[in-house]
PDB file of N, CA and C in Angstrom:
ATOM      1  N   MET A   1      76.979  93.573  81.227  1.00  0.00           N
ATOM      2  CA  MET A   1      76.605  94.441  82.297  1.00  0.00           C
ATOM      3  C   MET A   1      77.442  93.896  83.586  1.00  0.00           C
ATOM      4  N   ALA A   2      77.534  92.446  83.785  1.00  0.00           N
ATOM      5  CA  ALA A   2      78.080  92.125  84.973  1.00  0.00           C
ATOM      6  C   ALA A   2      79.602  92.432  85.026  1.00  0.00           C
ATOM      7  N   ALA A   3      80.261  92.366  83.774  1.00  0.00           N
ATOM      8  CA  ALA A   3      81.728  92.574  83.628  1.00  0.00           C
ATOM      9  C   ALA A   3      81.947  94.161  84.235  1.00  0.00           C
ATOM     10  N   ARG A   4      81.182  95.034  83.607  1.00  0.00           N
ATOM     11  CA  ARG A   4      81.271  96.484  84.119  1.00  0.00           C
ATOM     12  C   ARG A   4      81.194  96.598  85.481  1.00  0.00           C
ATOM     13  N   ASP A   5      80.155  96.010  86.070  1.00  0.00           N
ATOM     14  CA  ASP A   5      79.764  96.031  87.604  1.00  0.00           C
ATOM     15  C   ASP A   5      81.060  95.664  88.379  1.00  0.00           C
ATOM     16  N   ALA A   6      81.683  94.407  87.826  1.00  0.00           N
ATOM     17  CA  ALA A   6      82.869  93.872  88.469  1.00  0.00           C
ATOM     18  C   ALA A   6      84.163  94.973  88.275  1.00  0.00           C
ATOM     19  N   VAL A   7      84.251  95.607  87.195  1.00  0.00           N
ATOM     20  CA  VAL A   7      85.352  96.507  87.027  1.00  0.00           C
ATOM     21  C   VAL A   7      84.969  97.639  88.050  1.00  0.00           C
ATOM     22  N   SER A   8      83.794  98.145  88.173  1.00  0.00           N
ATOM     23  CA  SER A   8      83.433  99.279  88.973  1.00  0.00           C
ATOM     24  C   SER A   8      83.745  98.818  90.440  1.00  0.00           C
ATOM     25  N   ASP A   9      83.307  97.690  90.836  1.00  0.00           N
ATOM     26  CA  ASP A   9      83.592  97.223  92.220  1.00  0.00           C
ATOM     27  C   ASP A   9      85.083  97.160  92.581  1.00  0.00           C
ATOM     28  N   LEU A  10      85.905  96.760  91.678  1.00  0.00           N
ATOM     29  CA  LEU A  10      87.448  96.752  91.908  1.00  0.00           C
ATOM     30  C   LEU A  10      87.805  98.144  92.141  1.00  0.00           C
ATOM     31  N   ILE A  11      87.439  99.091  91.218  1.00  0.00           N
ATOM     32  CA  ILE A  11      87.788 100.433  91.229  1.00  0.00           C
ATOM     33  C   ILE A  11      87.419 101.109  92.510  1.00  0.00           C
ATOM     34  N   ARG A  12      86.167 100.792  92.992  1.00  0.00           N
ATOM     35  CA  ARG A  12      85.579 101.525  94.115  1.00  0.00           C
ATOM     36  C   ARG A  12      86.511 101.021  95.309  1.00  0.00           C
ATOM     37  N   GLY A  13      86.878  99.795  95.263  1.00  0.00           N
ATOM     38  CA  GLY A  13      87.757  99.492  96.314  1.00  0.00           C
ATOM     39  C   GLY A  13      89.105 100.317  96.395  1.00  0.00           C
ATOM     40  N   ASN A  14      89.508 101.046  95.427  1.00  0.00           N
ATOM     41  CA  ASN A  14      90.748 101.859  95.340  1.00  0.00           C
ATOM     42  C   ASN A  14      90.498 103.339  95.156  1.00  0.00           C
ATOM     43  N   ILE A  15      89.204 103.758  95.488  1.00  0.00           N
ATOM     44  CA  ILE A  15      88.926 105.158  95.276  1.00  0.00           C
ATOM     45  C   ILE A  15      89.686 106.052  96.105  1.00  0.00           C
ATOM     46  N   ASP A  16      89.942 105.712  97.271  1.00  0.00           N
ATOM     47  CA  ASP A  16      90.846 106.620  98.176  1.00  0.00           C
ATOM     48  C   ASP A  16      92.127 106.913  97.562  1.00  0.00           C
ATOM     49  N   ALA A  17      92.802 105.795  97.185  1.00  0.00           N
ATOM     50  CA  ALA A  17      94.133 105.730  96.429  1.00  0.00           C
ATOM     51  C   ALA A  17      94.096 106.602  95.152  1.00  0.00           C
ATOM     52  N   ILE A  18      93.014 106.501  94.548  1.00  0.00           N
ATOM     53  CA  ILE A  18      92.921 107.195  93.210  1.00  0.00           C
ATOM     54  C   ILE A  18      92.841 108.642  93.372  1.00  0.00           C
ATOM     55  N   ILE A  19      92.048 109.107  94.461  1.00  0.00           N
ATOM     56  CA  ILE A  19      91.847 110.446  94.751  1.00  0.00           C
ATOM     57  C   ILE A  19      93.162 111.028  95.299  1.00  0.00           C
ATOM     58  N   LEU A  20      93.804 110.298  96.130  1.00  0.00           N
ATOM     59  CA  LEU A  20      95.103 110.775  96.709  1.00  0.00           C
ATOM     60  C   LEU A  20      96.152 110.876  95.554  1.00  0.00           C
ATOM     61  N   HIS A  21      96.093 110.089  94.644  1.00  0.00           N
ATOM     62  CA  HIS A  21      96.972 110.171  93.400  1.00  0.00           C
ATOM     63  C   HIS A  21      96.632 111.554  92.703  1.00  0.00           C
ATOM     64  N   VAL A  22      95.361 111.771  92.477  1.00  0.00           N
ATOM     65  CA  VAL A  22      95.165 113.254  91.810  1.00  0.00           C
ATOM     66  C   VAL A  22      95.640 114.280  92.679  1.00  0.00           C
ATOM     67  N   LEU A  23      95.390 114.209  93.989  1.00  0.00           N
ATOM     68  CA  LEU A  23      95.815 115.366  94.749  1.00  0.00           C
ATOM     69  C   LEU A  23      97.412 115.442  94.840  1.00  0.00           C
ATOM     70  N   SER A  24      97.967 114.283  94.628  1.00  0.00           N
ATOM     71  CA  SER A  24      99.624 114.313  94.648  1.00  0.00           C
ATOM     72  C   SER A  24     100.075 115.216  93.686  1.00  0.00           C
ATOM     73  N   GLN A  25      99.171 115.372  92.555  1.00  0.00           N
ATOM     74  CA  GLN A  25      99.716 116.241  91.422  1.00  0.00           C
ATOM     75  C   GLN A  25      99.307 117.739  91.696  1.00  0.00           C
ATOM     76  N   GLY A  26      98.666 118.064  92.737  1.00  0.00           N
ATOM     77  CA  GLY A  26      98.229 119.437  93.086  1.00  0.00           C
ATOM     78  C   GLY A  26      97.002 119.486  93.737  1.00  0.00           C
ATOM     79  N   ASP A  27      96.764 120.723  94.579  1.00  0.00           N
ATOM     80  CA  ASP A  27      95.538 121.072  94.982  1.00  0.00           C
ATOM     81  C   ASP A  27      94.410 121.032  94.147  1.00  0.00           C
ATOM     82  N   SER A  28      93.263 120.605  94.450  1.00  0.00           N
ATOM     83  CA  SER A  28      92.137 120.487  93.507  1.00  0.00           C
ATOM     84  C   SER A  28      90.877 120.506  94.199  1.00  0.00           C
ATOM     85  N   TYR A  29      89.661 120.983  93.380  1.00  0.00           N
ATOM     86  CA  TYR A  29      88.389 120.797  94.039  1.00  0.00           C
ATOM     87  C   TYR A  29      87.541 119.798  93.521  1.00  0.00           C
ATOM     88  N   GLY A  30      86.308 119.446  93.952  1.00  0.00           N
ATOM     89  CA  GLY A  30      85.584 118.385  93.563  1.00  0.00           C
ATOM     90  C   GLY A  30      85.279 118.189  92.134  1.00  0.00           C
ATOM     91  N   TYR A  31      84.866 119.078  91.305  1.00  0.00           N
ATOM     92  CA  TYR A  31      84.598 118.846  90.007  1.00  0.00           C
ATOM     93  C   TYR A  31      85.882 118.721  89.174  1.00  0.00           C
ATOM     94  N   GLU A  32      86.845 119.252  89.499  1.00  0.00           N
ATOM     95  CA  GLU A  32      88.298 119.036  88.826  1.00  0.00           C
ATOM     96  C   GLU A  32      88.682 117.662  89.063  1.00  0.00           C
ATOM     97  N   ILE A  33      88.481 117.144  90.312  1.00  0.00           N
ATOM     98  CA  ILE A  33      89.130 115.806  90.573  1.00  0.00           C
ATOM     99  C   ILE A  33      88.149 114.882  89.740  1.00  0.00           C
ATOM    100  N   LEU A  34      86.825 115.005  89.638  1.00  0.00           N
ATOM    101  CA  LEU A  34      85.980 114.101  88.841  1.00  0.00           C
ATOM    102  C   LEU A  34      86.395 114.156  87.395  1.00  0.00           C
ATOM    103  N   LYS A  35      86.691 115.362  86.817  1.00  0.00           N
ATOM    104  CA  LYS A  35      87.229 115.452  85.563  1.00  0.00           C
ATOM    105  C   LYS A  35      88.501 114.800  85.318  1.00  0.00           C
ATOM    106  N   GLU A  36      89.442 114.905  86.080  1.00  0.00           N
ATOM    107  CA  GLU A  36      90.599 114.300  86.188  1.00  0.00           C
ATOM    108  C   GLU A  36      90.592 112.841  86.077  1.00  0.00           C
ATOM    109  N   ILE A  37      89.787 112.261  87.021  1.00  0.00           N
ATOM    110  CA  ILE A  37      89.628 110.737  87.016  1.00  0.00           C
ATOM    111  C   ILE A  37      88.899 110.277  85.716  1.00  0.00           C
ATOM    112  N   ALA A  38      87.943 111.009  85.143  1.00  0.00           N
ATOM    113  CA  ALA A  38      87.501 110.495  83.889  1.00  0.00           C
ATOM    114  C   ALA A  38      88.387 110.692  82.755  1.00  0.00           C
ATOM    115  N   THR A  39      89.248 111.797  82.770  1.00  0.00           N
ATOM    116  CA  THR A  39      90.214 111.876  81.635  1.00  0.00           C
ATOM    117  C   THR A  39      91.248 110.737  81.848  1.00  0.00           C
ATOM    118  N   ALA A  40      91.808 110.535  83.047  1.00  0.00           N
ATOM    119  CA  ALA A  40      92.804 109.532  83.284  1.00  0.00           C
ATOM    120  C   ALA A  40      92.348 108.110  82.866  1.00  0.00           C
ATOM    121  N   SER A  41      91.009 107.956  83.171  1.00  0.00           N
ATOM    122  CA  SER A  41      90.553 106.552  82.849  1.00  0.00           C
ATOM    123  C   SER A  41      90.098 106.344  81.172  1.00  0.00           C
ATOM    124  N   GLN A  42      90.408 107.605  80.511  1.00  0.00           N
ATOM    125  CA  GLN A  42      90.047 107.603  78.935  1.00  0.00           C
ATOM    126  C   GLN A  42      88.511 107.328  78.919  1.00  0.00           C
ATOM    127  N   GLY A  43      87.748 107.734  79.838  1.00  0.00           N
ATOM    128  CA  GLY A  43      86.185 107.715  79.755  1.00  0.00           C
ATOM    129  C   GLY A  43      85.776 106.400  80.172  1.00  0.00           C
ATOM    130  N   ASP A  44      86.681 105.402  80.472  1.00  0.00           N
ATOM    131  CA  ASP A  44      86.109 104.050  81.002  1.00  0.00           C
ATOM    132  C   ASP A  44      85.438 104.059  82.295  1.00  0.00           C
ATOM    133  N   TYR A  45      85.814 105.192  83.266  1.00  0.00           N
ATOM    134  CA  TYR A  45      85.225 105.180  84.510  1.00  0.00           C
ATOM    135  C   TYR A  45      85.018 106.636  84.830  1.00  0.00           C
ATOM    136  N   GLU A  46      83.715 106.870  85.366  1.00  0.00           N
ATOM    137  CA  GLU A  46      83.349 108.180  85.961  1.00  0.00           C
ATOM    138  C   GLU A  46      82.922 107.971  87.336  1.00  0.00           C
ATOM    139  N   MET A  47      83.624 108.601  88.207  1.00  0.00           N
ATOM    140  CA  MET A  47      83.119 108.486  89.522  1.00  0.00           C
ATOM    141  C   MET A  47      81.900 109.475  89.806  1.00  0.00           C
ATOM    142  N   LYS A  48      81.041 108.895  90.652  1.00  0.00           N
ATOM    143  CA  LYS A  48      79.817 109.736  90.980  1.00  0.00           C
ATOM    144  C   LYS A  48      80.202 110.840  92.049  1.00  0.00           C
ATOM    145  N   GLU A  49      79.683 111.810  92.017  1.00  0.00           N
ATOM    146  CA  GLU A  49      79.761 112.806  93.111  1.00  0.00           C
ATOM    147  C   GLU A  49      79.633 112.491  94.608  1.00  0.00           C
ATOM    148  N   PRO A  50      78.589 111.559  94.820  1.00  0.00           N
ATOM    149  CA  PRO A  50      78.577 111.245  96.309  1.00  0.00           C
ATOM    150  C   PRO A  50      79.660 110.485  96.777  1.00  0.00           C
ATOM    151  N   SER A  51      80.222 109.496  95.819  1.00  0.00           N
ATOM    152  CA  SER A  51      81.380 108.672  96.148  1.00  0.00           C
ATOM    153  C   SER A  51      82.557 109.596  96.424  1.00  0.00           C
ATOM    154  N   LEU A  52      82.794 110.507  95.562  1.00  0.00           N
ATOM    155  CA  LEU A  52      83.833 111.475  95.737  1.00  0.00           C
ATOM    156  C   LEU A  52      83.843 112.090  97.219  1.00  0.00           C
ATOM    157  N   TYR A  53      82.765 112.696  97.342  1.00  0.00           N
ATOM    158  CA  TYR A  53      82.616 113.600  98.651  1.00  0.00           C
ATOM    159  C   TYR A  53      82.662 112.693  99.920  1.00  0.00           C
ATOM    160  N   THR A  54      82.108 111.453  99.811  1.00  0.00           N
ATOM    161  CA  THR A  54      82.315 110.490 100.867  1.00  0.00           C
ATOM    162  C   THR A  54      83.682 110.219 101.173  1.00  0.00           C
ATOM    163  N   SER A  55      84.502 109.869 100.075  1.00  0.00           N
ATOM    164  CA  SER A  55      85.882 109.491 100.171  1.00  0.00           C
ATOM    165  C   SER A  55      86.670 110.655 100.652  1.00  0.00           C
ATOM    166  N   LEU A  56      86.381 111.863 100.093  1.00  0.00           N
ATOM    167  CA  LEU A  56      87.164 113.186 100.704  1.00  0.00           C
ATOM    168  C   LEU A  56      86.945 113.319 102.089  1.00  0.00           C
ATOM    169  N   LYS A  57      85.702 113.119 102.572  1.00  0.00           N
ATOM    170  CA  LYS A  57      85.516 113.328 104.074  1.00  0.00           C
ATOM    171  C   LYS A  57      86.407 112.339 104.766  1.00  0.00           C
ATOM    172  N   ARG A  58      86.144 110.955 104.325  1.00  0.00           N
ATOM    173  CA  ARG A  58      86.830 110.105 105.111  1.00  0.00           C
ATOM    174  C   ARG A  58      88.491 110.350 105.195  1.00  0.00           C
ATOM    175  N   LEU A  59      88.996 110.719 103.974  1.00  0.00           N
ATOM    176  CA  LEU A  59      90.308 111.030 103.864  1.00  0.00           C
ATOM    177  C   LEU A  59      90.739 112.095 104.820  1.00  0.00           C
ATOM    178  N   GLU A  60      89.893 113.082 104.828  1.00  0.00           N
ATOM    179  CA  GLU A  60      90.143 114.324 105.810  1.00  0.00           C
ATOM    180  C   GLU A  60      90.092 113.735 107.134  1.00  0.00           C
ATOM    181  N   THR A  61      89.156 112.945 107.588  1.00  0.00           N
ATOM    182  CA  THR A  61      88.990 112.517 108.955  1.00  0.00           C
ATOM    183  C   THR A  61      90.291 111.654 109.290  1.00  0.00           C
ATOM    184  N   GLN A  62      90.846 110.967 108.401  1.00  0.00           N
ATOM    185  CA  GLN A  62      92.010 110.153 108.610  1.00  0.00           C
ATOM    186  C   GLN A  62      93.249 110.965 108.607  1.00  0.00           C
ATOM    187  N   GLY A  63      93.209 112.133 108.300  1.00  0.00           N
ATOM    188  CA  GLY A  63      94.385 112.982 108.313  1.00  0.00           C
ATOM    189  C   GLY A  63      95.146 112.966 106.904  1.00  0.00           C
ATOM    190  N   PHE A  64      94.691 112.331 106.030  1.00  0.00           N
ATOM    191  CA  PHE A  64      95.259 112.087 104.665  1.00  0.00           C
ATOM    192  C   PHE A  64      95.264 113.329 103.756  1.00  0.00           C
ATOM    193  N   VAL A  65      94.206 114.099 103.853  1.00  0.00           N
ATOM    194  CA  VAL A  65      94.041 115.353 103.111  1.00  0.00           C
ATOM    195  C   VAL A  65      93.390 116.450 103.918  1.00  0.00           C
ATOM    196  N   SER A  66      93.571 117.903 103.541  1.00  0.00           N
ATOM    197  CA  SER A  66      93.121 118.904 104.254  1.00  0.00           C
ATOM    198  C   SER A  66      92.419 119.586 103.328  1.00  0.00           C
ATOM    199  N   SER A  67      91.521 120.375 103.788  1.00  0.00           N
ATOM    200  CA  SER A  67      90.645 121.389 102.919  1.00  0.00           C
ATOM    201  C   SER A  67      90.811 122.853 103.216  1.00  0.00           C
ATOM    202  N   TYR A  68      90.404 123.687 102.323  1.00  0.00           N
ATOM    203  CA  TYR A  68      90.376 125.097 102.604  1.00  0.00           C
ATOM    204  C   TYR A  68      89.541 125.678 101.484  1.00  0.00           C
ATOM    205  N   TRP A  69      88.936 126.817 101.674  1.00  0.00           N
ATOM    206  CA  TRP A  69      88.055 127.506 100.858  1.00  0.00           C
ATOM    207  C   TRP A  69      88.958 128.399 100.000  1.00  0.00           C
ATOM    208  N   GLY A  70      88.536 128.290  98.705  1.00  0.00           N
ATOM    209  CA  GLY A  70      89.413 129.124  97.633  1.00  0.00           C
ATOM    210  C   GLY A  70      88.808 130.593  97.670  1.00  0.00           C
ATOM    211  N   ASP A  71      89.436 131.598  97.172  1.00  0.00           N
ATOM    212  CA  ASP A  71      88.862 132.968  97.019  1.00  0.00           C
ATOM    213  C   ASP A  71      88.538 133.438  95.662  1.00  0.00           C
ATOM    214  N   GLU A  72      87.635 132.748  94.941  1.00  0.00           N
ATOM    215  CA  GLU A  72      87.269 132.897  93.634  1.00  0.00           C
ATOM    216  C   GLU A  72      86.717 134.385  93.592  1.00  0.00           C
ATOM    217  N   THR A  73      86.853 135.001  92.517  1.00  0.00           N
ATOM    218  CA  THR A  73      86.260 136.444  92.432  1.00  0.00           C
ATOM    219  C   THR A  73      84.912 136.299  91.563  1.00  0.00           C
ATOM    220  N   GLN A  74      84.781 135.135  90.806  1.00  0.00           N
ATOM    221  CA  GLN A  74      83.526 134.897  90.089  1.00  0.00           C
ATOM    222  C   GLN A  74      82.932 133.477  90.454  1.00  0.00           C
ATOM    223  N   GLY A  75      81.668 133.467  90.562  1.00  0.00           N
ATOM    224  CA  GLY A  75      81.097 132.171  90.799  1.00  0.00           C
ATOM    225  C   GLY A  75      81.035 131.965  92.235  1.00  0.00           C
ATOM    226  N   ALA A  76      80.596 130.582  92.592  1.00  0.00           N
ATOM    227  CA  ALA A  76      80.622 130.261  93.868  1.00  0.00           C
ATOM    228  C   ALA A  76      81.928 129.866  94.530  1.00  0.00           C
ATOM    229  N   ARG A  77      82.227 129.895  95.731  1.00  0.00           N
ATOM    230  CA  ARG A  77      83.413 129.534  96.332  1.00  0.00           C
ATOM    231  C   ARG A  77      83.751 128.022  96.260  1.00  0.00           C
ATOM    232  N   ARG A  78      84.866 127.704  96.048  1.00  0.00           N
ATOM    233  CA  ARG A  78      85.089 126.259  95.873  1.00  0.00           C
ATOM    234  C   ARG A  78      86.001 125.816  97.151  1.00  0.00           C
ATOM    235  N   LYS A  79      85.752 124.668  97.551  1.00  0.00           N
ATOM    236  CA  LYS A  79      86.563 123.854  98.492  1.00  0.00           C
ATOM    237  C   LYS A  79      87.568 123.179  97.941  1.00  0.00           C
ATOM    238  N   TYR A  80      88.784 123.589  98.227  1.00  0.00           N
ATOM    239  CA  TYR A  80      89.963 122.731  97.686  1.00  0.00           C
ATOM    240  C   TYR A  80      90.573 121.806  98.486  1.00  0.00           C
ATOM    241  N   TYR A  81      90.995 120.912  98.097  1.00  0.00           N
ATOM    242  CA  TYR A  81      91.675 119.631  98.887  1.00  0.00           C
ATOM    243  C   TYR A  81      93.092 119.508  98.589  1.00  0.00           C
ATOM    244  N   ARG A  82      93.906 119.360  99.456  1.00  0.00           N
ATOM    245  CA  ARG A  82      95.428 119.104  99.343  1.00  0.00           C
ATOM    246  C   ARG A  82      95.818 117.827 100.163  1.00  0.00           C
ATOM    247  N   ILE A  83      96.625 117.125  99.614  1.00  0.00           N
ATOM    248  CA  ILE A  83      97.313 115.912 100.207  1.00  0.00           C
ATOM    249  C   ILE A  83      98.147 116.180 101.327  1.00  0.00           C
ATOM    250  N   CYS A  84      98.019 115.607 102.400  1.00  0.00           N
ATOM    251  CA  CYS A  84      99.067 115.836 103.544  1.00  0.00           C
ATOM    252  C   CYS A  84     100.185 114.852 103.478  1.00  0.00           C
ATOM    253  N   ASP A  85     101.234 114.987 104.316  1.00  0.00           N
ATOM    254  CA  ASP A  85     102.377 114.087 104.312  1.00  0.00           C
ATOM    255  C   ASP A  85     101.825 112.504 104.692  1.00  0.00           C
ATOM    256  N   ALA A  86     100.842 112.570 105.416  1.00  0.00           N
ATOM    257  CA  ALA A  86     100.373 111.158 105.884  1.00  0.00           C
ATOM    258  C   ALA A  86      99.533 110.493 104.575  1.00  0.00           C
ATOM    259  N   GLY A  87      98.912 111.423 103.813  1.00  0.00           N
ATOM    260  CA  GLY A  87      98.385 110.924 102.684  1.00  0.00           C
ATOM    261  C   GLY A  87      99.225 110.506 101.490  1.00  0.00           C
ATOM    262  N   ILE A  88     100.535 111.069 101.418  1.00  0.00           N
ATOM    263  CA  ILE A  88     101.578 110.659 100.500  1.00  0.00           C
ATOM    264  C   ILE A  88     102.050 109.347 100.799  1.00  0.00           C
ATOM    265  N   THR A  89     102.226 109.173 102.196  1.00  0.00           N
ATOM    266  CA  THR A  89     102.699 107.825 102.744  1.00  0.00           C
ATOM    267  C   THR A  89     101.575 106.792 102.452  1.00  0.00           C
ATOM    268  N   GLU A  90     100.310 107.150 102.654  1.00  0.00           N
ATOM    269  CA  GLU A  90      99.185 106.190 102.365  1.00  0.00           C
ATOM    270  C   GLU A  90      99.074 105.840 100.941  1.00  0.00           C
ATOM    271  N   LEU A  91      99.306 106.840 100.063  1.00  0.00           N
ATOM    272  CA  LEU A  91      99.279 106.527  98.703  1.00  0.00           C
ATOM    273  C   LEU A  91     100.383 105.645  98.186  1.00  0.00           C
ATOM    274  N   GLN A  92     101.537 105.791  98.756  1.00  0.00           N
ATOM    275  CA  GLN A  92     102.689 104.925  98.430  1.00  0.00           C
ATOM    276  C   GLN A  92     102.286 103.548  98.974  1.00  0.00           C
ATOM    277  N   GLU A  93     101.777 103.303 100.058  1.00  0.00           N
ATOM    278  CA  GLU A  93     101.544 102.116 100.608  1.00  0.00           C
ATOM    279  C   GLU A  93     100.365 101.398  99.915  1.00  0.00           C
ATOM    280  N   ALA A  94      99.255 102.207  99.449  1.00  0.00           N
ATOM    281  CA  ALA A  94      98.210 101.694  98.661  1.00  0.00           C
ATOM    282  C   ALA A  94      98.590 101.271  97.146  1.00  0.00           C
ATOM    283  N   THR A  95      99.612 101.983  96.741  1.00  0.00           N
ATOM    284  CA  THR A  95     100.059 101.740  95.293  1.00  0.00           C
ATOM    285  C   THR A  95     100.830 100.206  95.544  1.00  0.00           C
ATOM    286  N   GLU A  96     101.706 100.055  96.653  1.00  0.00           N
ATOM    287  CA  GLU A  96     102.347  98.847  96.852  1.00  0.00           C
ATOM    288  C   GLU A  96     101.387  97.708  97.064  1.00  0.00           C
ATOM    289  N   ARG A  97     100.255  97.850  97.768  1.00  0.00           N
ATOM    290  CA  ARG A  97      99.228  96.867  98.042  1.00  0.00           C
ATOM    291  C   ARG A  97      98.687  96.392  96.713  1.00  0.00           C
ATOM    292  N   TRP A  98      98.303  97.528  95.860  1.00  0.00           N
ATOM    293  CA  TRP A  98      97.777  97.283  94.584  1.00  0.00           C
ATOM    294  C   TRP A  98      98.588  96.355  93.645  1.00  0.00           C
ATOM    295  N   MET A  99      99.894  96.777  93.675  1.00  0.00           N
ATOM    296  CA  MET A  99     100.790  95.969  92.735  1.00  0.00           C
ATOM    297  C   MET A  99     100.931  94.553  93.142  1.00  0.00           C
ATOM    298  N   CYS A 100     101.015  94.371  94.666  1.00  0.00           N
ATOM    299  CA  CYS A 100     101.155  93.067  94.994  1.00  0.00           C
ATOM    300  C   CYS A 100      99.854  92.218  94.707  1.00  0.00           C
ATOM    301  N   VAL A 101      98.679  92.727  94.919  1.00  0.00           N
ATOM    302  CA  VAL A 101      97.492  92.059  94.411  1.00  0.00           C
ATOM    303  C   VAL A 101      97.481  91.831  93.069  1.00  0.00           C
ATOM    304  N   ARG A 102      97.880  92.779  92.258  1.00  0.00           N
ATOM    305  CA  ARG A 102      97.871  92.541  90.754  1.00  0.00           C
ATOM    306  C   ARG A 102      98.756  91.439  90.308  1.00  0.00           C
ATOM    307  N   ARG A 103     100.008  91.388  90.983  1.00  0.00           N
ATOM    308  CA  ARG A 103     100.990  90.272  90.579  1.00  0.00           C
ATOM    309  C   ARG A 103     100.210  88.935  91.056  1.00  0.00           C
ATOM    310  N   ILE A 104      99.630  88.891  92.111  1.00  0.00           N
ATOM    311  CA  ILE A 104      98.895  87.499  92.597  1.00  0.00           C
ATOM    312  C   ILE A 104      97.901  87.253  91.638  1.00  0.00           C
ATOM    313  N   ILE A 105      97.100  88.134  91.295  1.00  0.00           N
ATOM    314  CA  ILE A 105      95.898  87.856  90.406  1.00  0.00           C
ATOM    315  C   ILE A 105      96.385  87.510  89.004  1.00  0.00           C
ATOM    316  N   ASP A 106      97.298  88.165  88.520  1.00  0.00           N
ATOM    317  CA  ASP A 106      97.981  87.840  87.306  1.00  0.00           C
ATOM    318  C   ASP A 106      98.585  86.420  87.235  1.00  0.00           C
ATOM    319  N   ARG A 107      99.158  86.027  88.300  1.00  0.00           N
ATOM    320  CA  ARG A 107      99.564  84.552  88.355  1.00  0.00           C
ATOM    321  C   ARG A 107      98.465  83.634  88.502  1.00  0.00           C
ATOM    322  N   LEU A 108      97.355  83.853  89.223  1.00  0.00           N
ATOM    323  CA  LEU A 108      96.309  83.055  89.363  1.00  0.00           C
ATOM    324  C   LEU A 108      95.447  82.980  88.119  1.00  0.00           C
ATOM    325  N   LEU A 109      95.531  83.863  87.235  1.00  0.00           N
ATOM    326  CA  LEU A 109      94.632  84.008  86.039  1.00  0.00           C
ATOM    327  C   LEU A 109      95.582  83.561  84.779  1.00  0.00           C
ATOM    328  N   GLY A 110      96.822  83.399  85.054  1.00  0.00           N
ATOM    329  CA  GLY A 110      97.876  83.151  84.035  1.00  0.00           C
ATOM    330  C   GLY A 110      97.927  84.380  83.117  1.00  0.00           C
ATOM    331  N   ALA A 111      97.679  85.485  83.510  1.00  0.00           N
ATOM    332  CA  ALA A 111      97.831  86.660  82.648  1.00  0.00           C
ATOM    333  C   ALA A 111      99.191  87.025  82.274  1.00  0.00           C
ATOM    334  N   ASN A 112     100.267  86.530  83.092  1.00  0.00           N
ATOM    335  CA  ASN A 112     101.692  86.743  82.717  1.00  0.00           C
ATOM    336  C   ASN A 112     102.386  85.687  81.945  1.00  0.00           C
ATOM    337  N   GLY A 113     101.614  85.124  81.051  1.00  0.00           N
ATOM    338  CA  GLY A 113     102.365  84.080  80.325  1.00  0.00           C
ATOM    339  C   GLY A 113     102.324  82.590  81.066  1.00  0.00           C
ATOM    340  N   GLY A 114     101.465  82.582  82.032  1.00  0.00           N
ATOM    341  CA  GLY A 114     101.451  81.247  82.754  1.00  0.00           C
ATOM    342  C   GLY A 114     102.382  80.851  83.844  1.00  0.00           C
ATOM    343  N   GLU A 115     103.309  82.047  84.047  1.00  0.00           N
ATOM    344  CA  GLU A 115     104.325  81.806  85.084  1.00  0.00           C
ATOM    345  C   GLU A 115     103.596  81.684  86.419  1.00  0.00           C
ATOM    346  N   ARG A 116     104.216  81.004  87.427  1.00  0.00           N
ATOM    347  CA  ARG A 116     103.671  80.840  88.610  1.00  0.00           C
ATOM    348  C   ARG A 116     104.798  81.250  89.470  1.00  0.00           C
TER     349      ARG A 116
END
């Protein structure tokens, strides 16, 4: 159980980047974003709705995403989110930060064959 919590904590620290990555593939709405994250993680991680909407609100406030209402003919209207230019830049920077941290942790834990 502790291992799963540690994994969730690491993922939670990168939620904004994960959402930006999903939106970099096209506009999407909440449930669809949640499904894409679960699918991409092959079921190993399922984001909770409150976490998603908290992150989307934060990303919108920071100017990384924008939202608009869809015009569905059936069912409830959906709020769609799209990545902005600033969001694309942030995604690139977040990916670089993650790669840097991953290299350091790999070295510290000897995950790359013990190279230092």
